[in-house]
Amino acid sequence: MRKGFQYSILASGSSGNSFYLETDQKKILVDAGLSGKKITSLLAEIDRKPEDLDAILVTHEHSDHIHGIGVLARKYHLDVYANEATWQAMDAKLGKIDVAQKHIFEREKVMTFGDLDIESFGVSHDAADPQFYRFMKDDKSFVMLTDTGYVSDRLAAIVENADAYLIESNHDIEILRAGSYSWNLKQRILSDKGHLCNEDGAEAMIRSMGNRTKKIYLGHLSKENNIRELAHMTMTNELAQADLGVGIDFKIYDTSPDSATKLTRI
């Protein structure tokens, strides 16, 4: 049996999000915020098929995270996991899913899927009960942490010293403030229940990462309020200023809203 697990960030951005993970025993999708057809083509980029999936985990009910879940669940008879409040908020949006496919994964619990342990944790976002996940196998772990307005010390401790992170770098504050969004929407994004800016994502990494950390992926970039190169440069500079070994001890990677990262073993 092979050690660790493999993963790919299929899509990450304000227009749609999906994450794929596999072990020898399980193949799991986290969120499906694009059409079923697009998710299928993203899986094909890493030579995988939706019919081989075992389950879909949901972080929260916003459309850029659940858009394709109903279609995929019905077509491929997939089990779907979310906490109770998220189910209540999204059930009507998904269309009809057989009750046998609906499962509860409560916040701040650990569930075991075959040879994989998954820990859920709450975040601060304007959804019913948003939660993200830490995936653990063979003393290796990957943390997904996007869609949060801030990272508390308690949350930083929960996610500390993972081997790899998908961390939110949603917006540059100056671009957002100068942009065309309404004042109310700007205030929502900047609030404690909004999204992490580039600097806040870097600061969260400084508090969370450890000597195990080898990969940091920048996620959920806004098309309107960020620039990929700026997000990457901000993370690089902030971590370097904190005397962390950027490019030596660990590497920083970009993600895309419409193409998958390569399948990587951790």
C-alpha atoms as a PDB file:
ATOM      1  CA  MET A   1       0.000   0.000   0.000  1.00  0.00           C
ATOM      2  CA  ARG A   2       1.355   3.402  -1.016  1.00  0.00           C
ATOM      3  CA  LYS A   3       2.039   6.009   1.660  1.00  0.00           C
ATOM      4  CA  GLY A   4       0.265   9.347   1.867  1.00  0.00           C
ATOM      5  CA  PHE A   5      -2.267  10.461  -0.731  1.00  0.00           C
ATOM      6  CA  GLN A   6      -2.589  12.331  -4.022  1.00  0.00           C
ATOM      7  CA  TYR A   7      -4.459  15.555  -4.669  1.00  0.00           C
ATOM      8  CA  SER A   8      -5.245  18.148  -7.309  1.00  0.00           C
ATOM      9  CA  ILE A   9      -6.826  21.577  -6.973  1.00  0.00           C
ATOM     10  CA  LEU A  10      -9.203  21.223  -9.914  1.00  0.00           C
ATOM     11  CA  ALA A  11     -10.372  24.845  -9.761  1.00  0.00           C
ATOM     12  CA  SER A  12     -10.000  27.708  -7.323  1.00  0.00           C
ATOM     13  CA  GLY A  13     -11.376  31.202  -7.748  1.00  0.00           C
ATOM     14  CA  SER A  14     -14.390  33.430  -7.320  1.00  0.00           C
ATOM     15  CA  SER A  15     -16.090  31.727 -10.291  1.00  0.00           C
ATOM     16  CA  GLY A  16     -15.893  28.145  -9.023  1.00  0.00           C
ATOM     17  CA  ASN A  17     -14.018  25.796  -6.683  1.00  0.00           C
ATOM     18  CA  SER A  18     -13.295  22.075  -6.535  1.00  0.00           C
ATOM     19  CA  PHE A  19     -10.608  19.912  -4.916  1.00  0.00           C
ATOM     20  CA  TYR A  20      -9.803  16.247  -5.618  1.00  0.00           C
ATOM     21  CA  LEU A  21      -8.063  13.806  -3.307  1.00  0.00           C
ATOM     22  CA  GLU A  22      -7.377  10.082  -3.565  1.00  0.00           C
ATOM     23  CA  THR A  23      -5.909   7.280  -1.499  1.00  0.00           C
ATOM     24  CA  ASP A  24      -5.586   3.603  -2.348  1.00  0.00           C
ATOM     25  CA  GLN A  25      -9.109   3.123  -1.010  1.00  0.00           C
ATOM     26  CA  LYS A  26     -11.031   6.366  -1.630  1.00  0.00           C
ATOM     27  CA  LYS A  27     -11.518   9.085  -4.238  1.00  0.00           C
ATOM     28  CA  ILE A  28     -13.118  12.227  -2.848  1.00  0.00           C
ATOM     29  CA  LEU A  29     -14.225  15.576  -4.266  1.00  0.00           C
ATOM     30  CA  VAL A  30     -14.514  18.635  -2.034  1.00  0.00           C
ATOM     31  CA  ASP A  31     -17.005  21.118  -3.484  1.00  0.00           C
ATOM     32  CA  ALA A  32     -18.147  21.222  -7.102  1.00  0.00           C
ATOM     33  CA  GLY A  33     -18.683  24.881  -7.850  1.00  0.00           C
ATOM     34  CA  LEU A  34     -18.711  24.494 -11.630  1.00  0.00           C
ATOM     35  CA  SER A  35     -20.978  22.605 -14.013  1.00  0.00           C
ATOM     36  CA  GLY A  36     -20.907  18.823 -13.979  1.00  0.00           C
ATOM     37  CA  LYS A  37     -19.485  18.944 -17.505  1.00  0.00           C
ATOM     38  CA  LYS A  38     -16.640  21.264 -16.439  1.00  0.00           C
ATOM     39  CA  ILE A  39     -15.831  19.157 -13.356  1.00  0.00           C
ATOM     40  CA  THR A  40     -15.674  16.097 -15.619  1.00  0.00           C
ATOM     41  CA  SER A  41     -13.234  17.852 -17.975  1.00  0.00           C
ATOM     42  CA  LEU A  42     -11.076  19.033 -15.050  1.00  0.00           C
ATOM     43  CA  LEU A  43     -10.901  15.475 -13.716  1.00  0.00           C
ATOM     44  CA  ALA A  44      -9.906  14.333 -17.212  1.00  0.00           C
ATOM     45  CA  GLU A  45      -6.932  16.742 -17.040  1.00  0.00           C
ATOM     46  CA  ILE A  46      -5.524  14.533 -14.270  1.00  0.00           C
ATOM     47  CA  ASP A  47      -6.710  11.303 -15.955  1.00  0.00           C
ATOM     48  CA  ARG A  48      -9.586  10.683 -13.538  1.00  0.00           C
ATOM     49  CA  LYS A  49     -13.327  10.090 -14.029  1.00  0.00           C
ATOM     50  CA  PRO A  50     -16.349  11.204 -11.965  1.00  0.00           C
ATOM     51  CA  GLU A  51     -17.771   7.673 -11.957  1.00  0.00           C
ATOM     52  CA  ASP A  52     -14.786   6.588  -9.831  1.00  0.00           C
ATOM     53  CA  LEU A  53     -15.578   9.084  -7.054  1.00  0.00           C
ATOM     54  CA  ASP A  54     -16.784   7.805  -3.684  1.00  0.00           C
ATOM     55  CA  ALA A  55     -18.098  11.017  -2.133  1.00  0.00           C
ATOM     56  CA  ILE A  56     -18.428  14.791  -2.326  1.00  0.00           C
ATOM     57  CA  LEU A  57     -17.705  16.896   0.761  1.00  0.00           C
ATOM     58  CA  VAL A  58     -19.210  20.379   0.940  1.00  0.00           C
ATOM     59  CA  THR A  59     -17.699  23.421   2.658  1.00  0.00           C
ATOM     60  CA  HIS A  60     -20.702  25.785   2.412  1.00  0.00           C
ATOM     61  CA  GLU A  61     -23.715  26.553   0.272  1.00  0.00           C
ATOM     62  CA  HIS A  62     -22.453  29.406  -1.949  1.00  0.00           C
ATOM     63  CA  SER A  63     -22.919  28.663  -5.645  1.00  0.00           C
ATOM     64  CA  ASP A  64     -19.201  28.794  -6.474  1.00  0.00           C
ATOM     65  CA  HIS A  65     -18.863  25.718  -4.244  1.00  0.00           C
ATOM     66  CA  ILE A  66     -22.030  23.710  -4.964  1.00  0.00           C
ATOM     67  CA  HIS A  67     -23.079  24.486  -8.564  1.00  0.00           C
ATOM     68  CA  GLY A  68     -22.409  20.994  -9.971  1.00  0.00           C
ATOM     69  CA  ILE A  69     -23.078  18.849  -6.895  1.00  0.00           C
ATOM     70  CA  GLY A  70     -26.680  17.912  -7.684  1.00  0.00           C
ATOM     71  CA  VAL A  71     -25.905  16.825 -11.230  1.00  0.00           C
ATOM     72  CA  LEU A  72     -22.861  14.773 -10.207  1.00  0.00           C
ATOM     73  CA  ALA A  73     -24.614  13.161  -7.240  1.00  0.00           C
ATOM     74  CA  ARG A  74     -27.575  12.087  -9.360  1.00  0.00           C
ATOM     75  CA  LYS A  75     -25.638  10.911 -12.397  1.00  0.00           C
ATOM     76  CA  TYR A  76     -22.969   8.951 -10.512  1.00  0.00           C
ATOM     77  CA  HIS A  77     -24.941   8.046  -7.340  1.00  0.00           C
ATOM     78  CA  LEU A  78     -22.430   9.809  -5.100  1.00  0.00           C
ATOM     79  CA  ASP A  79     -22.681  10.261  -1.347  1.00  0.00           C
ATOM     80  CA  VAL A  80     -22.699  13.938  -0.314  1.00  0.00           C
ATOM     81  CA  TYR A  81     -21.480  15.133   3.102  1.00  0.00           C
ATOM     82  CA  ALA A  82     -22.180  18.495   4.750  1.00  0.00           C
ATOM     83  CA  ASN A  83     -23.144  19.753   8.182  1.00  0.00           C
ATOM     84  CA  GLU A  84     -26.797  20.112   9.103  1.00  0.00           C
ATOM     85  CA  ALA A  85     -27.079  23.885   8.659  1.00  0.00           C
ATOM     86  CA  THR A  86     -25.382  23.709   5.257  1.00  0.00           C
ATOM     87  CA  TRP A  87     -27.780  20.971   4.151  1.00  0.00           C
ATOM     88  CA  GLN A  88     -30.727  23.141   5.154  1.00  0.00           C
ATOM     89  CA  ALA A  89     -29.297  26.081   3.220  1.00  0.00           C
ATOM     90  CA  MET A  90     -28.390  24.209   0.035  1.00  0.00           C
ATOM     91  CA  ASP A  91     -30.841  21.307  -0.246  1.00  0.00           C
ATOM     92  CA  ALA A  92     -33.336  23.155  -2.448  1.00  0.00           C
ATOM     93  CA  LYS A  93     -30.538  24.446  -4.703  1.00  0.00           C
ATOM     94  CA  LEU A  94     -29.236  20.954  -5.521  1.00  0.00           C
ATOM     95  CA  GLY A  95     -32.411  19.453  -6.899  1.00  0.00           C
ATOM     96  CA  LYS A  96     -33.583  15.992  -5.923  1.00  0.00           C
ATOM     97  CA  ILE A  97     -30.948  13.752  -4.335  1.00  0.00           C
ATOM     98  CA  ASP A  98     -31.875  10.395  -2.858  1.00  0.00           C
ATOM     99  CA  VAL A  99     -32.023  10.587   0.930  1.00  0.00           C
ATOM    100  CA  ALA A 100     -29.629   7.610   1.154  1.00  0.00           C
ATOM    101  CA  GLN A 101     -26.950   9.763  -0.508  1.00  0.00           C
ATOM    102  CA  LYS A 102     -27.241  12.593   2.046  1.00  0.00           C
ATOM    103  CA  HIS A 103     -24.889  12.447   5.020  1.00  0.00           C
ATOM    104  CA  ILE A 104     -24.059  14.706   7.957  1.00  0.00           C
ATOM    105  CA  PHE A 105     -20.457  15.766   8.631  1.00  0.00           C
ATOM    106  CA  GLU A 106     -20.620  18.116  11.582  1.00  0.00           C
ATOM    107  CA  ARG A 107     -18.152  20.899  12.251  1.00  0.00           C
ATOM    108  CA  GLU A 108     -15.099  20.117  14.407  1.00  0.00           C
ATOM    109  CA  LYS A 109     -15.405  16.379  13.977  1.00  0.00           C
ATOM    110  CA  VAL A 110     -13.075  13.770  12.490  1.00  0.00           C
ATOM    111  CA  MET A 111     -14.561  11.243  10.076  1.00  0.00           C
ATOM    112  CA  THR A 112     -12.756   8.259   8.589  1.00  0.00           C
ATOM    113  CA  PHE A 113     -13.208   7.413   4.920  1.00  0.00           C
ATOM    114  CA  GLY A 114     -11.453   4.103   4.309  1.00  0.00           C
ATOM    115  CA  ASP A 115      -7.761   4.798   4.943  1.00  0.00           C
ATOM    116  CA  LEU A 116      -8.202   8.584   5.216  1.00  0.00           C
ATOM    117  CA  ASP A 117      -9.070  10.713   8.257  1.00  0.00           C
ATOM    118  CA  ILE A 118     -10.747  14.075   7.626  1.00  0.00           C
ATOM    119  CA  GLU A 119     -11.102  16.788  10.267  1.00  0.00           C
ATOM    120  CA  SER A 120     -13.629  19.598   9.795  1.00  0.00           C
ATOM    121  CA  PHE A 121     -13.232  23.071  11.282  1.00  0.00           C
ATOM    122  CA  GLY A 122     -15.358  26.192  11.231  1.00  0.00           C
ATOM    123  CA  VAL A 123     -14.409  29.441   9.507  1.00  0.00           C
ATOM    124  CA  SER A 124     -15.751  33.006   9.574  1.00  0.00           C
ATOM    125  CA  HIS A 125     -17.776  33.526   6.385  1.00  0.00           C
ATOM    126  CA  ASP A 126     -21.267  34.751   5.511  1.00  0.00           C
ATOM    127  CA  ALA A 127     -22.778  31.296   5.050  1.00  0.00           C
ATOM    128  CA  ALA A 128     -25.011  29.133   7.243  1.00  0.00           C
ATOM    129  CA  ASP A 129     -22.235  27.122   8.939  1.00  0.00           C
ATOM    130  CA  PRO A 130     -19.098  27.135   6.768  1.00  0.00           C
ATOM    131  CA  GLN A 131     -16.429  24.534   7.427  1.00  0.00           C
ATOM    132  CA  PHE A 132     -13.225  23.452   5.759  1.00  0.00           C
ATOM    133  CA  TYR A 133     -11.087  20.353   6.099  1.00  0.00           C
ATOM    134  CA  ARG A 134      -7.752  18.856   7.071  1.00  0.00           C
ATOM    135  CA  PHE A 135      -6.966  15.547   5.321  1.00  0.00           C
ATOM    136  CA  MET A 136      -4.690  13.111   7.174  1.00  0.00           C
ATOM    137  CA  LYS A 137      -3.051   9.808   6.292  1.00  0.00           C
ATOM    138  CA  ASP A 138       0.293   8.171   7.203  1.00  0.00           C
ATOM    139  CA  ASP A 139       1.348  11.197   9.263  1.00  0.00           C
ATOM    140  CA  LYS A 140       0.831  13.488   6.245  1.00  0.00           C
ATOM    141  CA  SER A 141      -1.765  16.248   6.050  1.00  0.00           C
ATOM    142  CA  PHE A 142      -3.252  18.787   3.649  1.00  0.00           C
ATOM    143  CA  VAL A 143      -5.296  21.783   4.826  1.00  0.00           C
ATOM    144  CA  MET A 144      -7.956  23.587   2.758  1.00  0.00           C
ATOM    145  CA  LEU A 145      -8.597  27.087   4.115  1.00  0.00           C
ATOM    146  CA  THR A 146     -10.416  29.597   1.919  1.00  0.00           C
ATOM    147  CA  ASP A 147     -13.613  31.647   2.292  1.00  0.00           C
ATOM    148  CA  THR A 148     -12.914  33.190   5.669  1.00  0.00           C
ATOM    149  CA  GLY A 149     -12.754  36.797   6.808  1.00  0.00           C
ATOM    150  CA  TYR A 150      -9.997  36.168   9.321  1.00  0.00           C
ATOM    151  CA  VAL A 151      -7.959  33.372  10.900  1.00  0.00           C
ATOM    152  CA  SER A 152      -8.165  33.301  14.674  1.00  0.00           C
ATOM    153  CA  ASP A 153      -5.338  32.034  16.855  1.00  0.00           C
ATOM    154  CA  ARG A 154      -7.521  29.036  17.657  1.00  0.00           C
ATOM    155  CA  LEU A 155      -7.964  28.208  13.964  1.00  0.00           C
ATOM    156  CA  ALA A 156      -4.256  28.731  13.254  1.00  0.00           C
ATOM    157  CA  ALA A 157      -3.522  26.148  15.960  1.00  0.00           C
ATOM    158  CA  ILE A 158      -6.024  23.655  14.488  1.00  0.00           C
ATOM    159  CA  VAL A 159      -4.397  23.804  11.050  1.00  0.00           C
ATOM    160  CA  GLU A 160      -0.772  24.202  12.116  1.00  0.00           C
ATOM    161  CA  ASN A 161       2.200  22.441  10.531  1.00  0.00           C
ATOM    162  CA  ALA A 162       0.464  20.705   7.626  1.00  0.00           C
ATOM    163  CA  ASP A 163       2.553  19.338   4.766  1.00  0.00           C
ATOM    164  CA  ALA A 164       0.630  21.483   2.284  1.00  0.00           C
ATOM    165  CA  TYR A 165      -1.976  24.250   2.332  1.00  0.00           C
ATOM    166  CA  LEU A 166      -4.545  25.748   0.023  1.00  0.00           C
ATOM    167  CA  ILE A 167      -4.826  29.240   1.517  1.00  0.00           C
ATOM    168  CA  GLU A 168      -7.049  32.092   0.425  1.00  0.00           C
ATOM    169  CA  SER A 169      -5.494  35.088  -1.366  1.00  0.00           C
ATOM    170  CA  ASN A 170      -8.780  36.575  -2.512  1.00  0.00           C
ATOM    171  CA  HIS A 171      -8.113  40.250  -3.111  1.00  0.00           C
ATOM    172  CA  ASP A 172      -5.739  43.164  -3.026  1.00  0.00           C
ATOM    173  CA  ILE A 173      -7.316  45.794  -0.769  1.00  0.00           C
ATOM    174  CA  GLU A 174      -6.413  48.771  -2.967  1.00  0.00           C
ATOM    175  CA  ILE A 175      -7.713  47.126  -6.144  1.00  0.00           C
ATOM    176  CA  LEU A 176     -10.943  46.208  -4.355  1.00  0.00           C
ATOM    177  CA  ARG A 177     -11.446  49.711  -2.953  1.00  0.00           C
ATOM    178  CA  ALA A 178     -10.836  51.355  -6.339  1.00  0.00           C
ATOM    179  CA  GLY A 179     -12.957  48.833  -8.261  1.00  0.00           C
ATOM    180  CA  SER A 180     -16.519  48.859  -9.558  1.00  0.00           C
ATOM    181  CA  TYR A 181     -18.142  46.746  -6.830  1.00  0.00           C
ATOM    182  CA  SER A 182     -20.902  48.387  -4.809  1.00  0.00           C
ATOM    183  CA  TRP A 183     -19.973  49.821  -1.419  1.00  0.00           C
ATOM    184  CA  ASN A 184     -22.044  47.124   0.329  1.00  0.00           C
ATOM    185  CA  LEU A 185     -20.268  44.321  -1.538  1.00  0.00           C
ATOM    186  CA  LYS A 186     -16.860  45.846  -0.812  1.00  0.00           C
ATOM    187  CA  GLN A 187     -17.765  46.038   2.873  1.00  0.00           C
ATOM    188  CA  ARG A 188     -18.893  42.401   2.830  1.00  0.00           C
ATOM    189  CA  ILE A 189     -15.632  41.187   1.277  1.00  0.00           C
ATOM    190  CA  LEU A 190     -13.515  43.247   3.685  1.00  0.00           C
ATOM    191  CA  SER A 191     -15.492  42.182   6.772  1.00  0.00           C
ATOM    192  CA  ASP A 192     -14.699  39.464   9.294  1.00  0.00           C
ATOM    193  CA  LYS A 193     -17.190  37.259   7.435  1.00  0.00           C
ATOM    194  CA  GLY A 194     -15.750  37.964   3.981  1.00  0.00           C
ATOM    195  CA  HIS A 195     -12.483  36.884   2.378  1.00  0.00           C
ATOM    196  CA  LEU A 196      -8.773  37.054   3.186  1.00  0.00           C
ATOM    197  CA  CYS A 197      -6.755  39.668   1.311  1.00  0.00           C
ATOM    198  CA  ASN A 198      -3.273  38.818   0.069  1.00  0.00           C
ATOM    199  CA  GLU A 199      -1.570  40.144   3.204  1.00  0.00           C
ATOM    200  CA  ASP A 200      -3.975  38.377   5.551  1.00  0.00           C
ATOM    201  CA  GLY A 201      -3.454  35.064   3.750  1.00  0.00           C
ATOM    202  CA  ALA A 202       0.300  35.482   4.177  1.00  0.00           C
ATOM    203  CA  GLU A 203      -0.077  36.401   7.838  1.00  0.00           C
ATOM    204  CA  ALA A 204      -2.224  33.305   8.409  1.00  0.00           C
ATOM    205  CA  MET A 205       0.495  31.162   6.836  1.00  0.00           C
ATOM    206  CA  ILE A 206       3.184  32.708   9.022  1.00  0.00           C
ATOM    207  CA  ARG A 207       1.174  31.707  12.104  1.00  0.00           C
ATOM    208  CA  SER A 208       0.170  28.248  10.851  1.00  0.00           C
ATOM    209  CA  MET A 209       2.940  26.684   8.798  1.00  0.00           C
ATOM    210  CA  GLY A 210       5.740  24.653  10.332  1.00  0.00           C
ATOM    211  CA  ASN A 211       8.835  22.637   9.556  1.00  0.00           C
ATOM    212  CA  ARG A 212       6.749  19.978   7.784  1.00  0.00           C
ATOM    213  CA  THR A 213       5.258  22.491   5.339  1.00  0.00           C
ATOM    214  CA  LYS A 214       6.544  22.029   1.787  1.00  0.00           C
ATOM    215  CA  LYS A 215       3.813  23.469  -0.465  1.00  0.00           C
ATOM    216  CA  ILE A 216       1.535  26.513  -0.252  1.00  0.00           C
ATOM    217  CA  TYR A 217      -1.142  26.989  -2.913  1.00  0.00           C
ATOM    218  CA  LEU A 218      -2.766  30.400  -3.325  1.00  0.00           C
ATOM    219  CA  GLY A 219      -6.510  29.991  -3.770  1.00  0.00           C
ATOM    220  CA  HIS A 220      -9.831  31.715  -4.406  1.00  0.00           C
ATOM    221  CA  LEU A 221      -8.328  34.722  -6.224  1.00  0.00           C
ATOM    222  CA  SER A 222     -10.905  37.256  -7.362  1.00  0.00           C
ATOM    223  CA  LYS A 223     -10.877  37.930 -11.107  1.00  0.00           C
ATOM    224  CA  GLU A 224     -11.892  41.532 -10.523  1.00  0.00           C
ATOM    225  CA  ASN A 225      -9.963  42.409  -7.368  1.00  0.00           C
ATOM    226  CA  ASN A 226      -6.622  40.647  -7.609  1.00  0.00           C
ATOM    227  CA  ILE A 227      -3.748  39.836  -9.952  1.00  0.00           C
ATOM    228  CA  ARG A 228      -2.100  36.424  -9.807  1.00  0.00           C
ATOM    229  CA  GLU A 229       1.424  37.835  -9.924  1.00  0.00           C
ATOM    230  CA  LEU A 230       0.618  40.337  -7.166  1.00  0.00           C
ATOM    231  CA  ALA A 231      -0.841  37.651  -4.909  1.00  0.00           C
ATOM    232  CA  HIS A 232       2.220  35.453  -5.458  1.00  0.00           C
ATOM    233  CA  MET A 233       4.639  38.320  -4.853  1.00  0.00           C
ATOM    234  CA  THR A 234       2.850  39.382  -1.669  1.00  0.00           C
ATOM    235  CA  MET A 235       2.944  35.880  -0.203  1.00  0.00           C
ATOM    236  CA  THR A 236       6.600  35.461  -1.184  1.00  0.00           C
ATOM    237  CA  ASN A 237       7.675  38.817   0.257  1.00  0.00           C
ATOM    238  CA  GLU A 238       5.715  38.506   3.503  1.00  0.00           C
ATOM    239  CA  LEU A 239       7.066  35.026   4.233  1.00  0.00           C
ATOM    240  CA  ALA A 240      10.610  36.075   3.318  1.00  0.00           C
ATOM    241  CA  GLN A 241      10.360  39.072   5.662  1.00  0.00           C
ATOM    242  CA  ALA A 242       9.358  36.629   8.400  1.00  0.00           C
ATOM    243  CA  ASP A 243      12.666  34.778   7.785  1.00  0.00           C
ATOM    244  CA  LEU A 244      10.938  31.715   6.358  1.00  0.00           C
ATOM    245  CA  GLY A 245      12.745  29.701   3.689  1.00  0.00           C
ATOM    246  CA  VAL A 246      10.716  30.576   0.596  1.00  0.00           C
ATOM    247  CA  GLY A 247      11.880  28.484  -2.360  1.00  0.00           C
ATOM    248  CA  ILE A 248      14.237  26.493  -0.136  1.00  0.00           C
ATOM    249  CA  ASP A 249      12.220  24.837   2.644  1.00  0.00           C
ATOM    250  CA  PHE A 250       8.902  25.172   0.801  1.00  0.00           C
ATOM    251  CA  LYS A 251       7.439  26.454  -2.463  1.00  0.00           C
ATOM    252  CA  ILE A 252       4.495  28.685  -3.329  1.00  0.00           C
ATOM    253  CA  TYR A 253       2.166  27.642  -6.161  1.00  0.00           C
ATOM    254  CA  ASP A 254      -0.616  29.392  -8.059  1.00  0.00           C
ATOM    255  CA  THR A 255      -4.002  27.859  -8.795  1.00  0.00           C
ATOM    256  CA  SER A 256      -6.439  28.527 -11.612  1.00  0.00           C
ATOM    257  CA  PRO A 257     -10.219  28.976 -11.832  1.00  0.00           C
ATOM    258  CA  ASP A 258     -10.386  26.803 -14.956  1.00  0.00           C
ATOM    259  CA  SER A 259      -7.501  24.327 -15.044  1.00  0.00           C
ATOM    260  CA  ALA A 260      -6.327  21.662 -12.607  1.00  0.00           C
ATOM    261  CA  THR A 261      -3.004  21.579 -10.791  1.00  0.00           C
ATOM    262  CA  LYS A 262      -1.028  18.439 -11.512  1.00  0.00           C
ATOM    263  CA  LEU A 263      -1.841  15.358  -9.470  1.00  0.00           C
ATOM    264  CA  THR A 264       0.650  15.481  -6.590  1.00  0.00           C
ATOM    265  CA  ARG A 265       1.558  12.940  -3.932  1.00  0.00           C
ATOM    266  CA  ILE A 266       2.024  14.125  -0.390  1.00  0.00           C
END
